[in-house]
């Protein structure tokens, strides 16, 4: 797959107290425009392979308004929220050395009884030889300030030692009642 665009958004973020943040962590962003990705369909399920960083593609699956995303390999059975949602148009990457460690993407959920749509930033671990990758944490955009910075910090702190299939998805910062009682429990 051609990596036709990596936005020149390399920004260095310094420091921290753990191993991942004691080294320089870079961030980059790639577009997530499904209409520009390779697509195939199998019945009601649609699959996309999108350019991410060189050597780390983004794989998206959609089934009846529910998307799942995996980073780095298409063999993963990525988790998805059972509540219908759409994906944001940008994948932000956290890079240590020359290796993508995690990705951050926005999920927008339809309005609930309160009448407001809700956004979560979802932090995902990139697949490697030992793991398929998975969702590590979520940040509720409705009740936290500086959500992008909170998501970056959470990715840098949690992803390096997170074991997919064993460790539980965390909520970083504060969360609305809907996130706690409806959205997080719908993650399958």
C-alpha atoms as a PDB file:
ATOM      1  CA  UNK A   1       0.000   0.000   0.000  1.00  0.00           C
ATOM      2  CA  UNK A   2       1.321   3.388  -0.907  1.00  0.00           C
ATOM      3  CA  UNK A   3       1.924   5.720   1.998  1.00  0.00           C
ATOM      4  CA  UNK A   4       0.931   8.772   0.015  1.00  0.00           C
ATOM      5  CA  UNK A   5       0.809  11.201   2.843  1.00  0.00           C
ATOM      6  CA  UNK A   6       2.296  11.527   6.266  1.00  0.00           C
ATOM      7  CA  UNK A   7       1.465  14.968   7.514  1.00  0.00           C
ATOM      8  CA  UNK A   8       4.514  16.958   8.398  1.00  0.00           C
ATOM      9  CA  UNK A   9       3.308  17.227  11.982  1.00  0.00           C
ATOM     10  CA  UNK A  10       6.315  15.740  13.679  1.00  0.00           C
ATOM     11  CA  UNK A  11       6.304  17.361  17.047  1.00  0.00           C
ATOM     12  CA  UNK A  12       8.643  16.339  19.797  1.00  0.00           C
ATOM     13  CA  UNK A  13       7.273  15.860  23.254  1.00  0.00           C
ATOM     14  CA  UNK A  14       9.851  15.606  25.986  1.00  0.00           C
ATOM     15  CA  UNK A  15      10.198  13.959  29.282  1.00  0.00           C
ATOM     16  CA  UNK A  16       8.273  12.138  31.912  1.00  0.00           C
ATOM     17  CA  UNK A  17       9.021   9.676  34.651  1.00  0.00           C
ATOM     18  CA  UNK A  18       8.634   6.318  32.925  1.00  0.00           C
ATOM     19  CA  UNK A  19      10.701   4.508  30.320  1.00  0.00           C
ATOM     20  CA  UNK A  20       8.525   5.470  27.371  1.00  0.00           C
ATOM     21  CA  UNK A  21       8.506   9.155  28.172  1.00  0.00           C
ATOM     22  CA  UNK A  22      12.084   9.442  29.402  1.00  0.00           C
ATOM     23  CA  UNK A  23      13.134   9.108  25.774  1.00  0.00           C
ATOM     24  CA  UNK A  24      11.903  11.487  23.117  1.00  0.00           C
ATOM     25  CA  UNK A  25       8.475  10.543  21.829  1.00  0.00           C
ATOM     26  CA  UNK A  26       7.389  11.982  18.515  1.00  0.00           C
ATOM     27  CA  UNK A  27       3.901  12.385  17.177  1.00  0.00           C
ATOM     28  CA  UNK A  28       2.729  12.270  13.579  1.00  0.00           C
ATOM     29  CA  UNK A  29      -0.702  12.318  12.014  1.00  0.00           C
ATOM     30  CA  UNK A  30      -2.036  10.523   8.954  1.00  0.00           C
ATOM     31  CA  UNK A  31      -5.428  11.010   7.344  1.00  0.00           C
ATOM     32  CA  UNK A  32      -8.105   8.390   7.850  1.00  0.00           C
ATOM     33  CA  UNK A  33     -10.292   8.988   4.803  1.00  0.00           C
ATOM     34  CA  UNK A  34     -11.947   5.632   4.149  1.00  0.00           C
ATOM     35  CA  UNK A  35     -12.924   6.692   0.624  1.00  0.00           C
ATOM     36  CA  UNK A  36      -9.187   6.808  -0.233  1.00  0.00           C
ATOM     37  CA  UNK A  37      -8.369   3.391   1.257  1.00  0.00           C
ATOM     38  CA  UNK A  38      -8.376  -0.031  -0.379  1.00  0.00           C
ATOM     39  CA  UNK A  39     -11.821  -1.527   0.234  1.00  0.00           C
ATOM     40  CA  UNK A  40     -13.422  -4.954   0.051  1.00  0.00           C
ATOM     41  CA  UNK A  41     -16.801  -6.248   1.138  1.00  0.00           C
ATOM     42  CA  UNK A  42     -17.871  -9.608   2.488  1.00  0.00           C
ATOM     43  CA  UNK A  43     -21.635  -9.579   2.859  1.00  0.00           C
ATOM     44  CA  UNK A  44     -22.698  -6.753   5.160  1.00  0.00           C
ATOM     45  CA  UNK A  45     -19.141  -6.243   6.466  1.00  0.00           C
ATOM     46  CA  UNK A  46     -16.808  -3.714   4.840  1.00  0.00           C
ATOM     47  CA  UNK A  47     -13.033  -3.751   5.248  1.00  0.00           C
ATOM     48  CA  UNK A  48     -10.513  -1.005   4.518  1.00  0.00           C
ATOM     49  CA  UNK A  49      -6.747  -0.950   4.462  1.00  0.00           C
ATOM     50  CA  UNK A  50      -5.512   2.602   4.877  1.00  0.00           C
ATOM     51  CA  UNK A  51      -2.048   4.080   4.695  1.00  0.00           C
ATOM     52  CA  UNK A  52      -0.670   4.800   8.128  1.00  0.00           C
ATOM     53  CA  UNK A  53       3.002   5.226   8.834  1.00  0.00           C
ATOM     54  CA  UNK A  54       5.459   3.332   6.619  1.00  0.00           C
ATOM     55  CA  UNK A  55       5.208  -0.313   7.671  1.00  0.00           C
ATOM     56  CA  UNK A  56       2.173   0.252   9.901  1.00  0.00           C
ATOM     57  CA  UNK A  57      -1.126   0.357   8.048  1.00  0.00           C
ATOM     58  CA  UNK A  58      -4.533   1.040   9.567  1.00  0.00           C
ATOM     59  CA  UNK A  59      -7.144  -1.696   9.144  1.00  0.00           C
ATOM     60  CA  UNK A  60     -10.786  -0.724   9.573  1.00  0.00           C
ATOM     61  CA  UNK A  61     -13.839  -2.958   9.653  1.00  0.00           C
ATOM     62  CA  UNK A  62     -17.445  -1.720   9.638  1.00  0.00           C
ATOM     63  CA  UNK A  63     -20.554  -3.726  10.340  1.00  0.00           C
ATOM     64  CA  UNK A  64     -23.926  -1.962  10.692  1.00  0.00           C
ATOM     65  CA  UNK A  65     -22.532   1.363  11.844  1.00  0.00           C
ATOM     66  CA  UNK A  66     -19.952  -0.078  14.210  1.00  0.00           C
ATOM     67  CA  UNK A  67     -16.288   0.357  13.379  1.00  0.00           C
ATOM     68  CA  UNK A  68     -13.264  -1.497  14.655  1.00  0.00           C
ATOM     69  CA  UNK A  69      -9.700  -0.404  14.029  1.00  0.00           C
ATOM     70  CA  UNK A  70      -6.460  -2.332  14.252  1.00  0.00           C
ATOM     71  CA  UNK A  71      -2.997  -0.948  13.712  1.00  0.00           C
ATOM     72  CA  UNK A  72      -0.223  -2.847  12.020  1.00  0.00           C
ATOM     73  CA  UNK A  73      -1.952  -6.096  11.115  1.00  0.00           C
ATOM     74  CA  UNK A  74      -5.196  -7.239   9.606  1.00  0.00           C
ATOM     75  CA  UNK A  75      -5.247 -10.560  11.465  1.00  0.00           C
ATOM     76  CA  UNK A  76      -6.354  -8.895  14.666  1.00  0.00           C
ATOM     77  CA  UNK A  77      -9.933  -9.164  15.771  1.00  0.00           C
ATOM     78  CA  UNK A  78     -10.207  -5.560  16.778  1.00  0.00           C
ATOM     79  CA  UNK A  79     -12.533  -4.492  19.527  1.00  0.00           C
ATOM     80  CA  UNK A  80     -15.545  -2.388  18.715  1.00  0.00           C
ATOM     81  CA  UNK A  81     -18.179  -0.476  20.617  1.00  0.00           C
ATOM     82  CA  UNK A  82     -21.653  -1.963  20.211  1.00  0.00           C
ATOM     83  CA  UNK A  83     -23.153   1.543  20.244  1.00  0.00           C
ATOM     84  CA  UNK A  84     -23.222   2.924  16.644  1.00  0.00           C
ATOM     85  CA  UNK A  85     -20.516   5.484  15.933  1.00  0.00           C
ATOM     86  CA  UNK A  86     -18.315   7.035  13.262  1.00  0.00           C
ATOM     87  CA  UNK A  87     -14.548   7.475  13.140  1.00  0.00           C
ATOM     88  CA  UNK A  88     -12.610  10.703  13.058  1.00  0.00           C
ATOM     89  CA  UNK A  89     -10.613  11.620   9.958  1.00  0.00           C
ATOM     90  CA  UNK A  90      -7.143  11.608  11.537  1.00  0.00           C
ATOM     91  CA  UNK A  91      -4.966   8.930  13.120  1.00  0.00           C
ATOM     92  CA  UNK A  92      -2.395  10.391  15.485  1.00  0.00           C
ATOM     93  CA  UNK A  93       0.657   8.210  16.062  1.00  0.00           C
ATOM     94  CA  UNK A  94       2.986   8.071  19.053  1.00  0.00           C
ATOM     95  CA  UNK A  95       6.453   7.070  17.902  1.00  0.00           C
ATOM     96  CA  UNK A  96       9.413   5.983  20.017  1.00  0.00           C
ATOM     97  CA  UNK A  97      12.674   5.797  18.086  1.00  0.00           C
ATOM     98  CA  UNK A  98      11.580   4.745  14.611  1.00  0.00           C
ATOM     99  CA  UNK A  99       8.725   2.498  15.776  1.00  0.00           C
ATOM    100  CA  UNK A 100       5.039   3.399  16.041  1.00  0.00           C
ATOM    101  CA  UNK A 101       3.874   2.461  19.545  1.00  0.00           C
ATOM    102  CA  UNK A 102       0.269   3.597  19.529  1.00  0.00           C
ATOM    103  CA  UNK A 103      -2.455   5.405  17.667  1.00  0.00           C
ATOM    104  CA  UNK A 104      -5.154   7.808  18.812  1.00  0.00           C
ATOM    105  CA  UNK A 105      -8.405   8.183  16.889  1.00  0.00           C
ATOM    106  CA  UNK A 106     -11.676   9.953  17.649  1.00  0.00           C
ATOM    107  CA  UNK A 107     -14.913   7.976  17.849  1.00  0.00           C
ATOM    108  CA  UNK A 108     -18.173   9.965  17.679  1.00  0.00           C
ATOM    109  CA  UNK A 109     -21.279   8.364  19.141  1.00  0.00           C
ATOM    110  CA  UNK A 110     -24.806   9.313  18.151  1.00  0.00           C
ATOM    111  CA  UNK A 111     -26.857  11.455  20.457  1.00  0.00           C
ATOM    112  CA  UNK A 112     -28.303   9.767  23.506  1.00  0.00           C
ATOM    113  CA  UNK A 113     -31.504  10.721  25.313  1.00  0.00           C
ATOM    114  CA  UNK A 114     -29.756  13.937  26.388  1.00  0.00           C
ATOM    115  CA  UNK A 115     -29.626  14.963  22.744  1.00  0.00           C
ATOM    116  CA  UNK A 116     -25.867  15.414  22.430  1.00  0.00           C
ATOM    117  CA  UNK A 117     -23.372  13.441  20.389  1.00  0.00           C
ATOM    118  CA  UNK A 118     -20.357  12.287  22.364  1.00  0.00           C
ATOM    119  CA  UNK A 119     -16.697  11.960  21.385  1.00  0.00           C
ATOM    120  CA  UNK A 120     -14.123   9.609  22.837  1.00  0.00           C
ATOM    121  CA  UNK A 121     -10.440   9.590  21.958  1.00  0.00           C
ATOM    122  CA  UNK A 122      -9.461   5.940  21.722  1.00  0.00           C
ATOM    123  CA  UNK A 123      -5.846   4.949  22.386  1.00  0.00           C
ATOM    124  CA  UNK A 124      -4.714   1.765  20.624  1.00  0.00           C
ATOM    125  CA  UNK A 125      -1.583  -0.317  20.895  1.00  0.00           C
ATOM    126  CA  UNK A 126       0.097  -1.125  17.575  1.00  0.00           C
ATOM    127  CA  UNK A 127       0.365  -4.832  16.760  1.00  0.00           C
ATOM    128  CA  UNK A 128       3.811  -6.399  16.930  1.00  0.00           C
ATOM    129  CA  UNK A 129       5.198  -9.934  16.657  1.00  0.00           C
ATOM    130  CA  UNK A 130       4.026 -10.765  20.188  1.00  0.00           C
ATOM    131  CA  UNK A 131       0.586  -9.141  20.138  1.00  0.00           C
ATOM    132  CA  UNK A 132      -2.238  -8.236  17.780  1.00  0.00           C
ATOM    133  CA  UNK A 133      -2.653  -4.854  19.405  1.00  0.00           C
ATOM    134  CA  UNK A 134      -5.797  -3.584  21.126  1.00  0.00           C
ATOM    135  CA  UNK A 135      -7.587  -0.673  22.753  1.00  0.00           C
ATOM    136  CA  UNK A 136      -5.661   0.472  25.826  1.00  0.00           C
ATOM    137  CA  UNK A 137      -7.591   3.497  27.085  1.00  0.00           C
ATOM    138  CA  UNK A 138     -10.238   6.055  26.267  1.00  0.00           C
ATOM    139  CA  UNK A 139     -10.490   9.778  26.960  1.00  0.00           C
ATOM    140  CA  UNK A 140     -13.953  11.335  27.236  1.00  0.00           C
ATOM    141  CA  UNK A 141     -13.851  14.603  25.283  1.00  0.00           C
ATOM    142  CA  UNK A 142     -17.052  15.893  26.896  1.00  0.00           C
ATOM    143  CA  UNK A 143     -15.621  16.369  30.403  1.00  0.00           C
ATOM    144  CA  UNK A 144     -11.852  16.740  30.087  1.00  0.00           C
ATOM    145  CA  UNK A 145      -9.875  19.769  28.996  1.00  0.00           C
ATOM    146  CA  UNK A 146      -6.804  19.403  26.782  1.00  0.00           C
ATOM    147  CA  UNK A 147      -8.062  15.982  25.646  1.00  0.00           C
ATOM    148  CA  UNK A 148      -5.414  15.488  22.971  1.00  0.00           C
ATOM    149  CA  UNK A 149      -2.599  16.086  25.465  1.00  0.00           C
ATOM    150  CA  UNK A 150      -4.282  13.783  27.989  1.00  0.00           C
ATOM    151  CA  UNK A 151      -4.565  11.084  25.302  1.00  0.00           C
ATOM    152  CA  UNK A 152      -0.884  11.472  24.345  1.00  0.00           C
ATOM    153  CA  UNK A 153       0.277  11.279  27.948  1.00  0.00           C
ATOM    154  CA  UNK A 154      -1.933   8.245  28.588  1.00  0.00           C
ATOM    155  CA  UNK A 155      -0.601   6.507  25.472  1.00  0.00           C
ATOM    156  CA  UNK A 156       3.008   7.141  26.474  1.00  0.00           C
ATOM    157  CA  UNK A 157       2.445   5.890  30.028  1.00  0.00           C
ATOM    158  CA  UNK A 158       0.146   2.884  29.486  1.00  0.00           C
ATOM    159  CA  UNK A 159       0.947   1.382  26.078  1.00  0.00           C
ATOM    160  CA  UNK A 160       4.544   0.152  26.672  1.00  0.00           C
ATOM    161  CA  UNK A 161       3.581  -2.224  29.498  1.00  0.00           C
ATOM    162  CA  UNK A 162      -0.005  -2.958  28.463  1.00  0.00           C
ATOM    163  CA  UNK A 163      -0.721  -6.622  27.679  1.00  0.00           C
ATOM    164  CA  UNK A 164      -3.593  -7.056  25.228  1.00  0.00           C
ATOM    165  CA  UNK A 165      -6.045  -9.731  26.304  1.00  0.00           C
ATOM    166  CA  UNK A 166      -4.983  -9.452  29.944  1.00  0.00           C
ATOM    167  CA  UNK A 167      -5.088  -5.814  31.015  1.00  0.00           C
ATOM    168  CA  UNK A 168      -8.331  -3.830  31.194  1.00  0.00           C
ATOM    169  CA  UNK A 169      -9.143  -0.765  29.120  1.00  0.00           C
ATOM    170  CA  UNK A 170      -8.783   2.351  31.276  1.00  0.00           C
ATOM    171  CA  UNK A 171     -10.650   5.623  31.339  1.00  0.00           C
ATOM    172  CA  UNK A 172      -8.118   8.459  31.424  1.00  0.00           C
ATOM    173  CA  UNK A 173      -9.269  11.534  33.276  1.00  0.00           C
ATOM    174  CA  UNK A 174     -12.929  12.071  34.062  1.00  0.00           C
ATOM    175  CA  UNK A 175     -15.863  10.417  32.305  1.00  0.00           C
ATOM    176  CA  UNK A 176     -19.561  11.095  31.815  1.00  0.00           C
ATOM    177  CA  UNK A 177     -22.157   8.730  33.193  1.00  0.00           C
ATOM    178  CA  UNK A 178     -22.880   7.622  29.621  1.00  0.00           C
ATOM    179  CA  UNK A 179     -19.229   6.658  29.059  1.00  0.00           C
ATOM    180  CA  UNK A 180     -19.105   4.640  32.275  1.00  0.00           C
ATOM    181  CA  UNK A 181     -22.530   2.990  32.104  1.00  0.00           C
ATOM    182  CA  UNK A 182     -23.125   2.599  28.358  1.00  0.00           C
ATOM    183  CA  UNK A 183     -20.105   3.146  26.092  1.00  0.00           C
ATOM    184  CA  UNK A 184     -17.279   1.373  27.943  1.00  0.00           C
ATOM    185  CA  UNK A 185     -19.404  -1.703  28.776  1.00  0.00           C
ATOM    186  CA  UNK A 186     -20.373  -1.932  25.074  1.00  0.00           C
ATOM    187  CA  UNK A 187     -16.727  -2.439  24.073  1.00  0.00           C
ATOM    188  CA  UNK A 188     -16.464  -6.005  22.772  1.00  0.00           C
END
